[in-house]
Each structure stands twice: as structure tokens, then as C-alpha cells.
């Protein structure tokens, strides 16, 4: 069954085509979402849907802006604090050592990420790589 709802897919900061910022807290991302809601919802109370980290952002949005919402859908995330991944230090060290300035594609970066053995985690870490607009690196 179709509804008359308009859907807006939003890339959170530091994801996709959204601005890349030096900080990325759930509060900041919820405020970013609220800015979008104010701009595009035209007085209609939205249903916010968030998946994974977006689910955490959606929950934060609900806590901060509950009067604006008509509904909340959270997928693949619980309202709890998660323990850091056991290999987070290795992931960070590996990412810091990647020469993205010389790469033209994620495929060129992949060999530099081999220290992260889990292919799923490695793919996740590389999922935010996009070519620079000027064509010089990632």
C-alpha cells in the first residue's frame, strides 16, 4: 500500500556527499538532521528512520526534538552503549598509514588495508572513500 509520505534520504556528516567535519557526535548529527527537517518538512511531523549508526542518531534526535516527530523507526541498533571493537587500535593505525593522496580508487587502497584481516571490517573501513573532486587522490 502506498502512502502520501515524501521520503528524504540523508547522508550523515562525514558520509557520502555530506560535508566532512572535524567532529562527529550523535548530538551534532541529530542537530544536522533537525536542520534538514526544518528545511524540507514544511511543518509536517516526520517519521525518522535510522539504520545502524543512523539508528543511534535517530534515537538522539527523538530525545532532543521529540515534539517534532510523528514516529521513530530504528533498525539494527539498540539503545545501549556498545563496547569498542577489540581491534579498533589496529583499524585506526592501519587507516592512518594509508596513502590516500596517491590512490585513484578504493581498489588501489585495498592492499594497504591488509593488516585488517576481517574482510567485512576492511570493506566497512573503505566504504567512505571517494575520489577527490580535483582528481588527485581519495
N, C-alpha and C. Protein backbone atom coordinates (compact mmCIF):
# COMPACT_ATOMS: atom_id res chain seq x y z
N UNK A 1 0.83 -1.17 0.00
CA UNK A 1 0.00 0.00 0.00
C UNK A 1 0.88 1.24 0.00
N UNK A 2 0.56 2.16 -0.83
CA UNK A 2 1.34 3.41 -0.91
C UNK A 2 0.81 4.43 0.09
N UNK A 3 1.72 5.26 0.56
CA UNK A 3 1.31 6.36 1.43
C UNK A 3 1.59 7.66 0.68
N UNK A 4 1.15 8.72 1.25
CA UNK A 4 1.40 10.04 0.65
C UNK A 4 2.65 10.69 1.24
N UNK A 5 3.46 9.91 1.92
CA UNK A 5 4.67 10.44 2.54
C UNK A 5 5.75 10.71 1.50
N UNK A 6 6.48 11.78 1.70
CA UNK A 6 7.66 12.09 0.90
C UNK A 6 8.86 11.54 1.67
N UNK A 7 9.78 10.89 0.97
CA UNK A 7 10.95 10.30 1.61
C UNK A 7 12.19 11.11 1.26
N UNK A 8 12.98 11.42 2.27
CA UNK A 8 14.26 12.10 2.08
C UNK A 8 15.34 11.21 2.66
N UNK A 9 16.30 10.81 1.85
CA UNK A 9 17.45 10.02 2.32
C UNK A 9 18.58 10.99 2.61
N UNK A 10 19.09 10.96 3.82
CA UNK A 10 20.09 11.93 4.25
C UNK A 10 21.40 11.22 4.55
N UNK A 11 22.49 11.68 3.95
CA UNK A 11 23.83 11.22 4.32
C UNK A 11 24.25 12.00 5.56
N UNK A 12 24.63 11.30 6.62
CA UNK A 12 25.12 11.98 7.81
C UNK A 12 26.48 12.61 7.53
N UNK A 13 26.86 13.57 8.35
CA UNK A 13 28.17 14.21 8.18
C UNK A 13 29.27 13.15 8.10
N UNK A 14 30.25 13.43 7.28
CA UNK A 14 31.38 12.52 7.03
C UNK A 14 30.98 11.23 6.33
N UNK A 15 29.83 11.22 5.70
CA UNK A 15 29.36 10.07 4.93
C UNK A 15 28.86 10.57 3.57
N UNK A 16 29.13 9.78 2.55
CA UNK A 16 28.60 10.10 1.23
C UNK A 16 28.97 11.50 0.77
N UNK A 17 27.95 12.24 0.34
CA UNK A 17 28.19 13.58 -0.20
C UNK A 17 27.95 14.69 0.81
N UNK A 18 27.70 14.33 2.06
CA UNK A 18 27.53 15.35 3.09
C UNK A 18 28.89 15.95 3.44
N UNK A 19 28.86 17.14 4.04
CA UNK A 19 30.13 17.78 4.40
C UNK A 19 30.97 16.92 5.34
N UNK A 20 32.27 16.99 5.17
CA UNK A 20 33.19 16.30 6.07
C UNK A 20 33.64 17.30 7.12
N UNK A 21 33.39 16.94 8.38
CA UNK A 21 33.61 17.84 9.50
C UNK A 21 34.64 17.22 10.45
N UNK A 22 35.31 18.06 11.26
CA UNK A 22 36.32 17.52 12.18
C UNK A 22 35.72 16.75 13.36
N UNK A 23 34.46 17.00 13.69
CA UNK A 23 33.83 16.28 14.80
C UNK A 23 32.56 15.60 14.30
N UNK A 24 32.14 14.57 15.05
CA UNK A 24 31.01 13.77 14.59
C UNK A 24 30.34 13.09 15.78
N UNK A 25 29.69 13.89 16.63
CA UNK A 25 28.99 13.31 17.78
C UNK A 25 27.54 13.03 17.40
N UNK A 26 26.88 12.17 18.18
CA UNK A 26 25.47 11.89 17.92
C UNK A 26 24.64 13.16 18.07
N UNK A 27 24.99 14.01 19.04
CA UNK A 27 24.27 15.28 19.21
C UNK A 27 24.41 16.14 17.95
N UNK A 28 25.63 16.26 17.44
CA UNK A 28 25.85 17.08 16.24
C UNK A 28 25.08 16.51 15.05
N UNK A 29 25.12 15.19 14.91
CA UNK A 29 24.41 14.58 13.77
C UNK A 29 22.90 14.72 13.92
N UNK A 30 22.38 14.63 15.16
CA UNK A 30 20.95 14.86 15.38
C UNK A 30 20.59 16.30 15.03
N UNK A 31 21.45 17.24 15.40
CA UNK A 31 21.22 18.64 15.04
C UNK A 31 21.26 18.83 13.53
N UNK A 32 22.16 18.13 12.84
CA UNK A 32 22.21 18.18 11.38
C UNK A 32 20.90 17.69 10.78
N UNK A 33 20.39 16.57 11.31
CA UNK A 33 19.12 16.02 10.82
C UNK A 33 18.00 17.02 11.07
N UNK A 34 18.03 17.67 12.24
CA UNK A 34 16.99 18.65 12.54
C UNK A 34 17.02 19.81 11.55
N UNK A 35 18.20 20.21 11.17
CA UNK A 35 18.33 21.28 10.17
C UNK A 35 17.66 20.86 8.86
N UNK A 36 17.85 19.62 8.46
CA UNK A 36 17.20 19.10 7.24
C UNK A 36 15.69 19.07 7.43
N UNK A 37 15.24 18.61 8.60
CA UNK A 37 13.79 18.55 8.88
C UNK A 37 13.18 19.94 8.77
N UNK A 38 13.83 20.93 9.36
CA UNK A 38 13.32 22.30 9.29
C UNK A 38 13.24 22.79 7.85
N UNK A 39 14.21 22.41 7.02
CA UNK A 39 14.26 22.89 5.64
C UNK A 39 13.26 22.19 4.72
N UNK A 40 13.03 20.90 4.91
CA UNK A 40 12.26 20.16 3.91
C UNK A 40 10.88 19.68 4.37
N UNK A 41 10.61 19.66 5.65
CA UNK A 41 9.35 19.06 6.10
C UNK A 41 8.17 20.02 6.10
N UNK A 42 8.42 21.29 5.98
CA UNK A 42 7.36 22.30 5.83
C UNK A 42 6.21 22.10 6.82
N UNK A 43 6.55 21.96 8.09
CA UNK A 43 5.53 21.86 9.13
C UNK A 43 4.92 20.48 9.32
N UNK A 44 5.29 19.52 8.50
CA UNK A 44 4.79 18.15 8.64
C UNK A 44 5.72 17.40 9.59
N UNK A 45 5.15 16.76 10.60
CA UNK A 45 5.97 15.98 11.54
C UNK A 45 6.49 14.73 10.86
N UNK A 46 7.80 14.55 10.81
CA UNK A 46 8.36 13.41 10.08
C UNK A 46 8.38 12.12 10.92
N UNK A 47 8.50 11.03 10.22
CA UNK A 47 8.89 9.76 10.82
C UNK A 47 10.36 9.62 10.49
N UNK A 48 11.19 9.51 11.52
CA UNK A 48 12.63 9.38 11.31
C UNK A 48 12.99 7.90 11.35
N UNK A 49 13.70 7.44 10.32
CA UNK A 49 14.17 6.06 10.26
C UNK A 49 15.68 6.08 10.24
N UNK A 50 16.31 5.30 11.09
CA UNK A 50 17.76 5.22 11.11
C UNK A 50 18.22 3.78 11.19
N UNK A 51 19.26 3.47 10.42
CA UNK A 51 19.84 2.13 10.42
C UNK A 51 21.24 2.18 11.01
N UNK A 52 21.56 1.26 11.89
CA UNK A 52 22.88 1.15 12.48
C UNK A 52 23.25 2.46 13.17
N UNK A 53 24.35 3.11 12.80
CA UNK A 53 24.70 4.37 13.43
C UNK A 53 23.59 5.40 13.24
N UNK A 54 22.94 5.35 12.09
CA UNK A 54 21.80 6.24 11.85
C UNK A 54 20.68 6.01 12.85
N UNK A 55 20.58 4.77 13.35
CA UNK A 55 19.60 4.46 14.39
C UNK A 55 19.93 5.18 15.68
N UNK A 56 21.22 5.22 16.03
CA UNK A 56 21.64 5.98 17.22
C UNK A 56 21.34 7.46 17.04
N UNK A 57 21.59 7.97 15.83
CA UNK A 57 21.30 9.37 15.55
C UNK A 57 19.79 9.62 15.65
N UNK A 58 18.99 8.70 15.13
CA UNK A 58 17.54 8.84 15.20
C UNK A 58 17.06 8.85 16.65
N UNK A 59 17.65 8.00 17.50
CA UNK A 59 17.27 7.99 18.91
C UNK A 59 17.67 9.30 19.60
N UNK A 60 18.85 9.81 19.28
CA UNK A 60 19.29 11.10 19.83
C UNK A 60 18.35 12.21 19.36
N UNK A 61 17.97 12.15 18.09
CA UNK A 61 17.03 13.14 17.55
C UNK A 61 15.73 13.10 18.35
N UNK A 62 15.24 11.90 18.61
CA UNK A 62 13.99 11.73 19.35
C UNK A 62 14.10 12.34 20.75
N UNK A 63 15.23 12.14 21.41
CA UNK A 63 15.43 12.71 22.74
C UNK A 63 15.48 14.23 22.71
N UNK A 64 16.05 14.78 21.67
CA UNK A 64 16.24 16.24 21.59
C UNK A 64 15.06 16.97 20.96
N UNK A 65 14.39 16.33 20.02
CA UNK A 65 13.36 17.02 19.23
C UNK A 65 12.06 16.22 19.17
N UNK A 66 11.68 15.57 20.26
CA UNK A 66 10.51 14.68 20.23
C UNK A 66 9.23 15.38 19.81
N UNK A 67 9.10 16.67 20.10
CA UNK A 67 7.88 17.39 19.73
C UNK A 67 7.73 17.51 18.21
N UNK A 68 8.81 17.35 17.48
CA UNK A 68 8.77 17.47 16.02
C UNK A 68 8.35 16.17 15.34
N UNK A 69 8.46 15.04 16.04
CA UNK A 69 8.29 13.73 15.41
C UNK A 69 6.86 13.20 15.43
N UNK A 70 6.53 12.44 14.39
CA UNK A 70 5.30 11.65 14.45
C UNK A 70 5.64 10.18 14.60
N UNK A 71 6.92 9.81 14.41
CA UNK A 71 7.31 8.42 14.59
C UNK A 71 8.80 8.23 14.53
N UNK A 72 9.26 7.10 15.06
CA UNK A 72 10.67 6.76 15.08
C UNK A 72 10.81 5.29 14.73
N UNK A 73 11.69 4.99 13.77
CA UNK A 73 11.98 3.61 13.39
C UNK A 73 13.49 3.43 13.50
N UNK A 74 13.91 2.45 14.30
CA UNK A 74 15.33 2.18 14.48
C UNK A 74 15.59 0.74 14.04
N UNK A 75 16.54 0.58 13.11
CA UNK A 75 16.85 -0.73 12.55
C UNK A 75 18.29 -1.11 12.89
N UNK A 76 18.47 -2.32 13.40
CA UNK A 76 19.80 -2.89 13.63
C UNK A 76 20.62 -2.10 14.64
N UNK A 77 19.98 -1.61 15.68
CA UNK A 77 20.68 -0.85 16.72
C UNK A 77 19.80 -0.86 17.96
N UNK A 78 20.42 -0.93 19.12
CA UNK A 78 19.69 -0.90 20.39
C UNK A 78 20.10 0.34 21.18
N UNK A 79 19.24 0.79 22.08
CA UNK A 79 19.57 1.99 22.88
C UNK A 79 20.50 1.67 24.04
N UNK A 80 21.67 1.14 23.72
CA UNK A 80 22.68 0.79 24.73
C UNK A 80 24.03 1.32 24.27
N UNK A 81 24.98 1.34 25.19
CA UNK A 81 26.35 1.71 24.85
C UNK A 81 27.10 0.43 24.49
N UNK A 82 27.70 0.44 23.32
CA UNK A 82 28.42 -0.74 22.84
C UNK A 82 29.89 -0.66 23.22
N UNK A 83 30.48 -1.83 23.52
CA UNK A 83 31.90 -1.91 23.80
C UNK A 83 32.66 -1.70 22.49
N UNK A 84 33.79 -1.03 22.57
CA UNK A 84 34.60 -0.79 21.37
C UNK A 84 35.06 -2.12 20.78
N UNK A 85 35.15 -2.15 19.47
CA UNK A 85 35.63 -3.35 18.79
C UNK A 85 37.04 -3.66 19.28
N UNK A 86 37.33 -4.92 19.48
CA UNK A 86 38.61 -5.32 20.07
C UNK A 86 39.81 -4.92 19.21
N UNK A 87 39.63 -4.76 17.93
CA UNK A 87 40.74 -4.42 17.05
C UNK A 87 40.72 -2.96 16.61
N UNK A 88 40.06 -2.11 17.38
CA UNK A 88 39.90 -0.71 16.96
C UNK A 88 41.26 -0.02 16.80
N UNK A 89 42.21 -0.31 17.69
CA UNK A 89 43.53 0.32 17.56
C UNK A 89 44.21 -0.07 16.26
N UNK A 90 44.11 -1.34 15.88
CA UNK A 90 44.68 -1.80 14.61
C UNK A 90 43.99 -1.11 13.43
N UNK A 91 42.68 -0.97 13.50
CA UNK A 91 41.94 -0.30 12.42
C UNK A 91 42.39 1.14 12.27
N UNK A 92 42.50 1.84 13.38
CA UNK A 92 42.90 3.25 13.34
C UNK A 92 44.33 3.39 12.82
N UNK A 93 45.24 2.57 13.34
CA UNK A 93 46.64 2.62 12.90
C UNK A 93 46.74 2.33 11.40
N UNK A 94 46.00 1.33 10.95
CA UNK A 94 46.02 0.97 9.53
C UNK A 94 45.50 2.12 8.68
N UNK A 95 44.39 2.71 9.08
CA UNK A 95 43.82 3.82 8.30
C UNK A 95 44.76 5.01 8.26
N UNK A 96 45.44 5.28 9.38
CA UNK A 96 46.38 6.40 9.41
C UNK A 96 47.56 6.17 8.48
N UNK A 97 47.90 4.92 8.21
CA UNK A 97 49.04 4.61 7.35
C UNK A 97 48.72 4.54 5.87
N UNK A 98 47.45 4.66 5.51
CA UNK A 98 47.05 4.55 4.11
C UNK A 98 47.40 5.84 3.37
N UNK A 99 48.03 5.71 2.21
CA UNK A 99 48.36 6.86 1.38
C UNK A 99 47.21 7.11 0.41
N UNK A 100 46.21 7.86 0.86
CA UNK A 100 45.04 8.11 0.01
C UNK A 100 45.34 9.16 -1.05
N UNK A 101 46.36 9.98 -0.84
CA UNK A 101 46.68 11.03 -1.81
C UNK A 101 47.16 10.45 -3.13
N UNK A 102 47.77 9.28 -3.09
CA UNK A 102 48.30 8.67 -4.31
C UNK A 102 47.30 7.75 -4.99
N UNK A 103 46.20 7.44 -4.34
CA UNK A 103 45.23 6.47 -4.88
C UNK A 103 44.17 7.15 -5.73
N UNK A 104 43.75 6.46 -6.77
CA UNK A 104 42.68 6.95 -7.63
C UNK A 104 41.39 6.15 -7.44
N UNK A 105 41.48 5.04 -6.72
CA UNK A 105 40.30 4.21 -6.49
C UNK A 105 40.46 3.43 -5.19
N UNK A 106 39.34 2.94 -4.67
CA UNK A 106 39.38 2.12 -3.47
C UNK A 106 40.18 0.85 -3.72
N UNK A 107 40.13 0.34 -4.93
CA UNK A 107 40.89 -0.87 -5.28
C UNK A 107 42.39 -0.66 -5.05
N UNK A 108 42.88 0.55 -5.32
CA UNK A 108 44.30 0.84 -5.10
C UNK A 108 44.64 0.94 -3.62
N UNK A 109 43.66 1.28 -2.80
CA UNK A 109 43.88 1.41 -1.36
C UNK A 109 43.85 0.04 -0.67
N UNK A 110 43.10 -0.89 -1.22
CA UNK A 110 42.87 -2.20 -0.58
C UNK A 110 44.15 -2.90 -0.11
N UNK A 111 45.22 -2.96 -0.91
CA UNK A 111 46.43 -3.65 -0.43
C UNK A 111 47.03 -3.01 0.83
N UNK A 112 46.82 -1.72 1.00
CA UNK A 112 47.35 -1.04 2.18
C UNK A 112 46.53 -1.36 3.44
N UNK A 113 45.38 -1.99 3.26
CA UNK A 113 44.48 -2.29 4.38
C UNK A 113 44.56 -3.75 4.82
N UNK A 114 45.51 -4.52 4.31
CA UNK A 114 45.57 -5.96 4.57
C UNK A 114 45.82 -6.31 6.03
N UNK A 115 46.34 -5.38 6.83
CA UNK A 115 46.56 -5.67 8.26
C UNK A 115 45.24 -5.93 8.97
N UNK A 116 44.15 -5.38 8.44
CA UNK A 116 42.81 -5.65 8.98
C UNK A 116 42.34 -6.94 8.31
N UNK A 117 42.41 -8.04 9.03
CA UNK A 117 42.18 -9.36 8.44
C UNK A 117 40.73 -9.63 8.07
N UNK A 118 39.78 -9.13 8.86
CA UNK A 118 38.37 -9.40 8.60
C UNK A 118 37.93 -8.64 7.35
N UNK A 119 37.54 -9.34 6.27
CA UNK A 119 37.17 -8.64 5.04
C UNK A 119 35.95 -7.73 5.20
N UNK A 120 35.04 -8.08 6.08
CA UNK A 120 33.87 -7.23 6.32
C UNK A 120 34.24 -5.92 6.97
N UNK A 121 35.11 -5.98 7.97
CA UNK A 121 35.57 -4.76 8.63
C UNK A 121 36.42 -3.93 7.68
N UNK A 122 37.27 -4.60 6.92
CA UNK A 122 38.11 -3.89 5.94
C UNK A 122 37.23 -3.17 4.92
N UNK A 123 36.20 -3.83 4.41
CA UNK A 123 35.28 -3.21 3.45
C UNK A 123 34.55 -2.04 4.09
N UNK A 124 34.14 -2.21 5.35
CA UNK A 124 33.46 -1.11 6.05
C UNK A 124 34.38 0.10 6.18
N UNK A 125 35.63 -0.12 6.56
CA UNK A 125 36.57 0.99 6.71
C UNK A 125 36.80 1.72 5.39
N UNK A 126 36.73 1.00 4.29
CA UNK A 126 36.97 1.60 2.98
C UNK A 126 35.71 2.18 2.36
N UNK A 127 34.55 1.96 2.99
CA UNK A 127 33.28 2.34 2.36
C UNK A 127 33.08 3.84 2.22
N UNK A 128 33.84 4.63 2.94
CA UNK A 128 33.66 6.08 2.85
C UNK A 128 34.69 6.74 1.94
N UNK A 129 35.51 5.96 1.26
CA UNK A 129 36.50 6.52 0.34
C UNK A 129 35.82 6.99 -0.94
N UNK A 130 36.04 8.23 -1.28
CA UNK A 130 35.53 8.76 -2.55
C UNK A 130 36.67 9.54 -3.21
N UNK A 131 36.72 9.54 -4.54
CA UNK A 131 37.77 10.30 -5.22
C UNK A 131 37.63 11.80 -4.94
N UNK A 132 38.76 12.47 -4.81
CA UNK A 132 38.74 13.93 -4.65
C UNK A 132 38.18 14.56 -5.92
N UNK A 133 37.48 15.66 -5.75
CA UNK A 133 36.88 16.33 -6.90
C UNK A 133 37.91 16.78 -7.92
N UNK A 134 39.11 17.12 -7.46
CA UNK A 134 40.15 17.57 -8.40
C UNK A 134 40.88 16.42 -9.06
N UNK A 135 40.50 15.17 -8.72
CA UNK A 135 41.11 14.00 -9.34
C UNK A 135 42.42 13.58 -8.72
N UNK A 136 42.85 14.25 -7.67
CA UNK A 136 44.12 13.93 -7.02
C UNK A 136 43.90 13.15 -5.74
N UNK A 137 43.77 11.85 -5.85
CA UNK A 137 43.66 11.01 -4.67
C UNK A 137 42.24 10.79 -4.21
N UNK A 138 42.16 10.17 -3.04
CA UNK A 138 40.87 9.82 -2.44
C UNK A 138 40.59 10.76 -1.29
